[in-house]
Amino acid sequence: MHGGTYDPSKKEKEEFVKTIVDFPEEKMTNPIRCTLHFYCKRPKTHFKTGKNSHVLKGTAPKYNINNKDLDNMVKFVLDALNDKLYTDDSLIFEIVCSKLYSDVVGEGTGHIYVKFEEVIVE
């Protein structure tokens, strides 16, 4: 038996990485500033019905405080990109993040805005 760490989300991380099209030729090796905005699909119950099914109800919550923890969402992205976009996620010195609702109606409207800025050390 060999040692190692079990990662239950390994397949999901691999699938996530496949969705990224523009990896730089070389991995980042300098300090990194990271911005992550998670836009989650709103439940149908947040919208009116019938011909106004694309309009948010006045009672629809502004803030996304669903059961998904923001810190776990961030960790998933950073771990998935580790040793692919950057040599190690310890290079990240700043994270700006939010968990928001996407106000677009329909299937597959959730998405992640991801921005990594390498700070060149001279």
Foldseek 3Di string as FASTA:
>chain_A
DDDDDDDPCPVVLVVVVVVDDDAPPDAFEAAKAKEKEKAAEDDQVQWDDDPRSLHGDPPRDFADPPPDDPVVVVVSNLVSCDVPRHVGSVSYDHYHYGYGYDSGDDPPPIDMDIDMDGDDDD
